[in-house]
Amino acid sequence: MTDDDVEQTLKSFMRHFGALNRDIPDVRNAFSDLLKTVHVDGALSAKFKEIICIVISVLAPCESCMVYHTKQALSAGATREEIMEACSVAIVMGGGPAAAHIATVQDALDKWAPR
């Protein structure tokens, strides 16, 4: 995935998620409210919760989710090292397929948190 692909994936996800307001506004608004409620600092930091979302996205697998939550985790202060260490947990739980999907996270990191 190139830098442009990473950006395009994020833009496409955001455009389609926003378009849910047109088609299923009650569901989209309820989900948005849930995101806002969950992704605040509590016993777990918002940053840690975003990192958890990356791992779950790898295991799902959901490419758009991997890109979105990588961007969100970085915005919340996560480092490349923290994200990649969490991805190692995804490999423990998901084996070879998880290792293959982590390429998407690496590409997002290369775009937004280069070495």
N, C-alpha and C. Protein backbone atom coordinates (compact mmCIF):
# COMPACT_ATOMS: atom_id res chain seq x y z
N MET A 1 0.86 -1.17 0.00
CA MET A 1 0.00 0.00 0.00
C MET A 1 0.90 1.23 0.00
N THR A 2 0.69 2.13 -0.94
CA THR A 2 1.49 3.34 -1.02
C THR A 2 0.94 4.40 -0.07
N ASP A 3 1.70 5.48 0.08
CA ASP A 3 1.22 6.61 0.89
C ASP A 3 -0.13 7.10 0.38
N ASP A 4 -0.26 7.18 -0.95
CA ASP A 4 -1.53 7.61 -1.54
C ASP A 4 -2.65 6.63 -1.23
N ASP A 5 -2.34 5.33 -1.24
CA ASP A 5 -3.35 4.32 -0.91
C ASP A 5 -3.82 4.47 0.53
N VAL A 6 -2.89 4.72 1.44
CA VAL A 6 -3.24 4.91 2.85
C VAL A 6 -4.19 6.10 2.98
N GLU A 7 -3.83 7.21 2.36
CA GLU A 7 -4.68 8.40 2.42
C GLU A 7 -6.04 8.14 1.78
N GLN A 8 -6.04 7.45 0.63
CA GLN A 8 -7.29 7.16 -0.07
C GLN A 8 -8.18 6.24 0.77
N THR A 9 -7.59 5.26 1.42
CA THR A 9 -8.35 4.35 2.28
C THR A 9 -9.01 5.13 3.40
N LEU A 10 -8.26 6.03 4.04
CA LEU A 10 -8.80 6.83 5.13
C LEU A 10 -9.91 7.75 4.62
N LYS A 11 -9.67 8.43 3.50
CA LYS A 11 -10.69 9.34 2.94
C LYS A 11 -11.95 8.59 2.55
N SER A 12 -11.79 7.43 1.94
CA SER A 12 -12.94 6.63 1.54
C SER A 12 -13.75 6.18 2.75
N PHE A 13 -13.05 5.72 3.78
CA PHE A 13 -13.72 5.30 5.00
C PHE A 13 -14.51 6.46 5.61
N MET A 14 -13.87 7.62 5.71
CA MET A 14 -14.52 8.78 6.32
C MET A 14 -15.73 9.22 5.48
N ARG A 15 -15.59 9.21 4.17
CA ARG A 15 -16.68 9.60 3.28
C ARG A 15 -17.88 8.64 3.45
N HIS A 16 -17.58 7.34 3.44
CA HIS A 16 -18.67 6.37 3.57
C HIS A 16 -19.29 6.36 4.96
N PHE A 17 -18.47 6.54 5.97
CA PHE A 17 -19.01 6.59 7.33
C PHE A 17 -19.92 7.81 7.48
N GLY A 18 -19.49 8.93 6.92
CA GLY A 18 -20.32 10.13 6.93
C GLY A 18 -21.62 9.94 6.17
N ALA A 19 -21.57 9.20 5.06
CA ALA A 19 -22.76 8.96 4.24
C ALA A 19 -23.79 8.11 4.96
N LEU A 20 -23.39 7.44 6.02
CA LEU A 20 -24.38 6.68 6.79
C LEU A 20 -25.45 7.60 7.36
N ASN A 21 -25.12 8.89 7.55
CA ASN A 21 -26.12 9.86 8.02
C ASN A 21 -27.30 9.93 7.06
N ARG A 22 -27.03 9.74 5.79
CA ARG A 22 -28.08 9.79 4.77
C ARG A 22 -28.95 8.53 4.81
N ASP A 23 -28.32 7.39 4.99
CA ASP A 23 -29.02 6.12 4.85
C ASP A 23 -29.53 5.53 6.16
N ILE A 24 -28.75 5.62 7.21
CA ILE A 24 -29.16 5.07 8.51
C ILE A 24 -28.68 6.02 9.62
N PRO A 25 -29.25 7.22 9.67
CA PRO A 25 -28.75 8.23 10.60
C PRO A 25 -28.82 7.83 12.07
N ASP A 26 -29.86 7.15 12.47
CA ASP A 26 -29.98 6.77 13.89
C ASP A 26 -28.86 5.83 14.31
N VAL A 27 -28.55 4.87 13.44
CA VAL A 27 -27.49 3.91 13.73
C VAL A 27 -26.14 4.62 13.73
N ARG A 28 -25.90 5.45 12.73
CA ARG A 28 -24.62 6.17 12.64
C ARG A 28 -24.42 7.07 13.86
N ASN A 29 -25.48 7.78 14.26
CA ASN A 29 -25.36 8.66 15.43
C ASN A 29 -25.15 7.87 16.71
N ALA A 30 -25.83 6.75 16.84
CA ALA A 30 -25.64 5.92 18.04
C ALA A 30 -24.22 5.37 18.10
N PHE A 31 -23.71 4.94 16.95
CA PHE A 31 -22.34 4.43 16.91
C PHE A 31 -21.34 5.54 17.21
N SER A 32 -21.56 6.73 16.66
CA SER A 32 -20.68 7.87 16.92
C SER A 32 -20.69 8.23 18.40
N ASP A 33 -21.86 8.18 19.02
CA ASP A 33 -21.96 8.45 20.46
C ASP A 33 -21.19 7.41 21.25
N LEU A 34 -21.29 6.14 20.84
CA LEU A 34 -20.54 5.08 21.51
C LEU A 34 -19.04 5.32 21.39
N LEU A 35 -18.58 5.66 20.19
CA LEU A 35 -17.15 5.96 20.00
C LEU A 35 -16.69 7.07 20.93
N LYS A 36 -17.47 8.14 21.00
CA LYS A 36 -17.11 9.28 21.85
C LYS A 36 -17.08 8.89 23.32
N THR A 37 -17.99 8.02 23.72
CA THR A 37 -18.06 7.58 25.11
C THR A 37 -16.88 6.68 25.47
N VAL A 38 -16.54 5.78 24.58
CA VAL A 38 -15.50 4.79 24.86
C VAL A 38 -14.10 5.40 24.74
N HIS A 39 -13.88 6.23 23.74
CA HIS A 39 -12.53 6.70 23.45
C HIS A 39 -12.14 7.96 24.23
N VAL A 40 -12.37 7.92 25.52
CA VAL A 40 -11.89 8.96 26.43
C VAL A 40 -11.02 8.29 27.48
N ASP A 41 -10.18 9.08 28.11
CA ASP A 41 -9.37 8.53 29.18
C ASP A 41 -10.24 8.06 30.33
N GLY A 42 -9.95 6.89 30.82
CA GLY A 42 -10.62 6.32 31.99
C GLY A 42 -9.58 5.45 32.68
N ALA A 43 -9.97 4.26 33.10
CA ALA A 43 -9.00 3.33 33.66
C ALA A 43 -7.94 3.01 32.60
N LEU A 44 -8.36 3.01 31.33
CA LEU A 44 -7.44 2.87 30.19
C LEU A 44 -7.39 4.21 29.48
N SER A 45 -6.23 4.58 29.02
CA SER A 45 -6.11 5.84 28.28
C SER A 45 -6.74 5.71 26.90
N ALA A 46 -7.15 6.84 26.33
CA ALA A 46 -7.69 6.85 24.97
C ALA A 46 -6.65 6.29 24.00
N LYS A 47 -5.39 6.61 24.23
CA LYS A 47 -4.31 6.09 23.38
C LYS A 47 -4.28 4.56 23.42
N PHE A 48 -4.35 4.00 24.60
CA PHE A 48 -4.31 2.54 24.73
C PHE A 48 -5.53 1.90 24.07
N LYS A 49 -6.68 2.53 24.20
CA LYS A 49 -7.88 2.01 23.57
C LYS A 49 -7.75 2.00 22.04
N GLU A 50 -7.14 3.04 21.49
CA GLU A 50 -6.91 3.07 20.03
C GLU A 50 -5.94 1.96 19.61
N ILE A 51 -4.92 1.71 20.42
CA ILE A 51 -3.98 0.63 20.12
C ILE A 51 -4.71 -0.72 20.16
N ILE A 52 -5.60 -0.90 21.12
CA ILE A 52 -6.40 -2.12 21.17
C ILE A 52 -7.22 -2.25 19.88
N CYS A 53 -7.78 -1.15 19.42
CA CYS A 53 -8.57 -1.18 18.17
C CYS A 53 -7.72 -1.62 16.98
N ILE A 54 -6.45 -1.22 16.97
CA ILE A 54 -5.57 -1.65 15.88
C ILE A 54 -5.42 -3.17 15.91
N VAL A 55 -5.15 -3.71 17.08
CA VAL A 55 -4.97 -5.16 17.21
C VAL A 55 -6.24 -5.89 16.78
N ILE A 56 -7.37 -5.43 17.22
CA ILE A 56 -8.63 -6.07 16.83
C ILE A 56 -8.84 -5.95 15.33
N SER A 57 -8.49 -4.80 14.75
CA SER A 57 -8.63 -4.61 13.31
C SER A 57 -7.76 -5.57 12.51
N VAL A 58 -6.57 -5.84 13.02
CA VAL A 58 -5.68 -6.81 12.37
C VAL A 58 -6.30 -8.20 12.43
N LEU A 59 -6.88 -8.54 13.55
CA LEU A 59 -7.46 -9.87 13.72
C LEU A 59 -8.79 -10.02 13.00
N ALA A 60 -9.48 -8.91 12.71
CA ALA A 60 -10.82 -8.98 12.11
C ALA A 60 -10.86 -9.61 10.72
N PRO A 61 -10.03 -9.38 9.77
CA PRO A 61 -9.24 -8.18 9.50
C PRO A 61 -10.10 -7.11 8.79
N CYS A 62 -9.80 -5.84 9.11
CA CYS A 62 -10.51 -4.71 8.50
C CYS A 62 -9.48 -3.65 8.12
N GLU A 63 -9.17 -3.59 6.83
CA GLU A 63 -8.13 -2.67 6.36
C GLU A 63 -8.46 -1.21 6.69
N SER A 64 -9.69 -0.79 6.43
CA SER A 64 -10.08 0.59 6.73
C SER A 64 -9.93 0.88 8.22
N CYS A 65 -10.30 -0.09 9.05
CA CYS A 65 -10.18 0.08 10.50
C CYS A 65 -8.72 0.19 10.92
N MET A 66 -7.85 -0.63 10.31
CA MET A 66 -6.42 -0.57 10.63
C MET A 66 -5.87 0.83 10.35
N VAL A 67 -6.21 1.37 9.18
CA VAL A 67 -5.71 2.69 8.79
C VAL A 67 -6.29 3.76 9.71
N TYR A 68 -7.59 3.75 9.91
CA TYR A 68 -8.25 4.75 10.74
C TYR A 68 -7.71 4.74 12.17
N HIS A 69 -7.65 3.56 12.78
CA HIS A 69 -7.24 3.51 14.19
C HIS A 69 -5.74 3.75 14.35
N THR A 70 -4.94 3.46 13.34
CA THR A 70 -3.52 3.82 13.40
C THR A 70 -3.39 5.33 13.44
N LYS A 71 -4.13 6.00 12.58
CA LYS A 71 -4.12 7.47 12.56
C LYS A 71 -4.61 8.03 13.90
N GLN A 72 -5.69 7.46 14.43
CA GLN A 72 -6.24 7.92 15.70
C GLN A 72 -5.27 7.67 16.86
N ALA A 73 -4.62 6.51 16.85
CA ALA A 73 -3.66 6.19 17.91
C ALA A 73 -2.48 7.16 17.89
N LEU A 74 -1.99 7.46 16.71
CA LEU A 74 -0.89 8.43 16.60
C LEU A 74 -1.34 9.80 17.08
N SER A 75 -2.55 10.19 16.73
CA SER A 75 -3.09 11.48 17.18
C SER A 75 -3.24 11.52 18.69
N ALA A 76 -3.48 10.36 19.29
CA ALA A 76 -3.62 10.27 20.75
C ALA A 76 -2.27 10.16 21.45
N GLY A 77 -1.18 10.16 20.68
CA GLY A 77 0.15 10.15 21.28
C GLY A 77 0.89 8.83 21.23
N ALA A 78 0.32 7.83 20.58
CA ALA A 78 1.01 6.54 20.47
C ALA A 78 2.24 6.67 19.57
N THR A 79 3.23 5.88 19.86
CA THR A 79 4.43 5.85 19.04
C THR A 79 4.39 4.65 18.10
N ARG A 80 5.21 4.73 17.09
CA ARG A 80 5.36 3.60 16.17
C ARG A 80 5.73 2.34 16.95
N GLU A 81 6.63 2.48 17.91
CA GLU A 81 7.11 1.34 18.69
C GLU A 81 5.98 0.72 19.51
N GLU A 82 5.14 1.55 20.12
CA GLU A 82 4.01 1.02 20.89
C GLU A 82 3.03 0.26 19.99
N ILE A 83 2.75 0.85 18.84
CA ILE A 83 1.80 0.22 17.91
C ILE A 83 2.35 -1.10 17.41
N MET A 84 3.63 -1.13 17.03
CA MET A 84 4.20 -2.37 16.52
C MET A 84 4.31 -3.43 17.61
N GLU A 85 4.59 -3.02 18.83
CA GLU A 85 4.62 -4.01 19.92
C GLU A 85 3.23 -4.60 20.13
N ALA A 86 2.20 -3.78 20.04
CA ALA A 86 0.84 -4.29 20.14
C ALA A 86 0.53 -5.24 18.98
N CYS A 87 1.07 -4.93 17.80
CA CYS A 87 0.87 -5.81 16.65
C CYS A 87 1.51 -7.18 16.88
N SER A 88 2.55 -7.21 17.70
CA SER A 88 3.15 -8.52 18.01
C SER A 88 2.17 -9.38 18.79
N VAL A 89 1.31 -8.75 19.59
CA VAL A 89 0.27 -9.48 20.30
C VAL A 89 -0.74 -10.04 19.30
N ALA A 90 -1.05 -9.25 18.26
CA ALA A 90 -1.96 -9.73 17.22
C ALA A 90 -1.39 -10.97 16.55
N ILE A 91 -0.07 -10.99 16.34
CA ILE A 91 0.56 -12.17 15.73
C ILE A 91 0.44 -13.38 16.65
N VAL A 92 0.63 -13.18 17.95
CA VAL A 92 0.48 -14.29 18.90
C VAL A 92 -0.92 -14.87 18.82
N MET A 93 -1.91 -14.00 18.71
CA MET A 93 -3.31 -14.45 18.72
C MET A 93 -3.81 -14.88 17.34
N GLY A 94 -3.21 -14.35 16.27
CA GLY A 94 -3.72 -14.63 14.94
C GLY A 94 -2.78 -15.30 13.98
N GLY A 95 -1.54 -15.55 14.42
CA GLY A 95 -0.58 -16.27 13.60
C GLY A 95 -0.20 -15.59 12.31
N GLY A 96 0.10 -16.41 11.31
CA GLY A 96 0.58 -15.93 10.02
C GLY A 96 -0.36 -14.95 9.34
N PRO A 97 -1.67 -15.22 9.32
CA PRO A 97 -2.56 -14.26 8.68
C PRO A 97 -2.48 -12.87 9.33
N ALA A 98 -2.39 -12.82 10.65
CA ALA A 98 -2.25 -11.52 11.33
C ALA A 98 -0.95 -10.85 10.92
N ALA A 99 0.12 -11.62 10.84
CA ALA A 99 1.41 -11.05 10.42
C ALA A 99 1.30 -10.43 9.04
N ALA A 100 0.55 -11.07 8.14
CA ALA A 100 0.37 -10.53 6.79
C ALA A 100 -0.44 -9.24 6.81
N HIS A 101 -1.47 -9.17 7.63
CA HIS A 101 -2.32 -7.98 7.67
C HIS A 101 -1.64 -6.79 8.32
N ILE A 102 -0.64 -7.04 9.14
CA ILE A 102 0.08 -5.95 9.79
C ILE A 102 0.78 -5.05 8.77
N ALA A 103 0.98 -5.54 7.56
CA ALA A 103 1.56 -4.70 6.50
C ALA A 103 0.76 -3.41 6.32
N THR A 104 -0.54 -3.49 6.46
CA THR A 104 -1.38 -2.29 6.33
C THR A 104 -1.06 -1.29 7.43
N VAL A 105 -0.89 -1.77 8.64
CA VAL A 105 -0.53 -0.90 9.76
C VAL A 105 0.86 -0.29 9.51
N GLN A 106 1.78 -1.11 9.05
CA GLN A 106 3.13 -0.60 8.75
C GLN A 106 3.09 0.48 7.68
N ASP A 107 2.28 0.28 6.66
CA ASP A 107 2.17 1.29 5.61
C ASP A 107 1.59 2.60 6.15
N ALA A 108 0.59 2.49 7.02
CA ALA A 108 0.04 3.69 7.65
C ALA A 108 1.08 4.38 8.52
N LEU A 109 1.84 3.59 9.26
CA LEU A 109 2.90 4.16 10.08
C LEU A 109 3.98 4.82 9.22
N ASP A 110 4.32 4.20 8.10
CA ASP A 110 5.30 4.80 7.20
C ASP A 110 4.83 6.14 6.69
N LYS A 111 3.51 6.29 6.52
CA LYS A 111 2.94 7.56 6.06
C LYS A 111 2.93 8.60 7.16
N TRP A 112 2.49 8.24 8.35
CA TRP A 112 2.25 9.21 9.41
C TRP A 112 3.26 9.19 10.54
N ALA A 113 4.08 8.17 10.65
CA ALA A 113 5.09 8.09 11.72
C ALA A 113 6.34 7.39 11.19
N PRO A 114 6.96 7.99 10.17
CA PRO A 114 8.14 7.32 9.59
C PRO A 114 9.26 7.19 10.60
N ARG A 115 10.12 6.22 10.35
CA ARG A 115 11.27 6.01 11.25
C ARG A 115 12.22 7.16 11.19
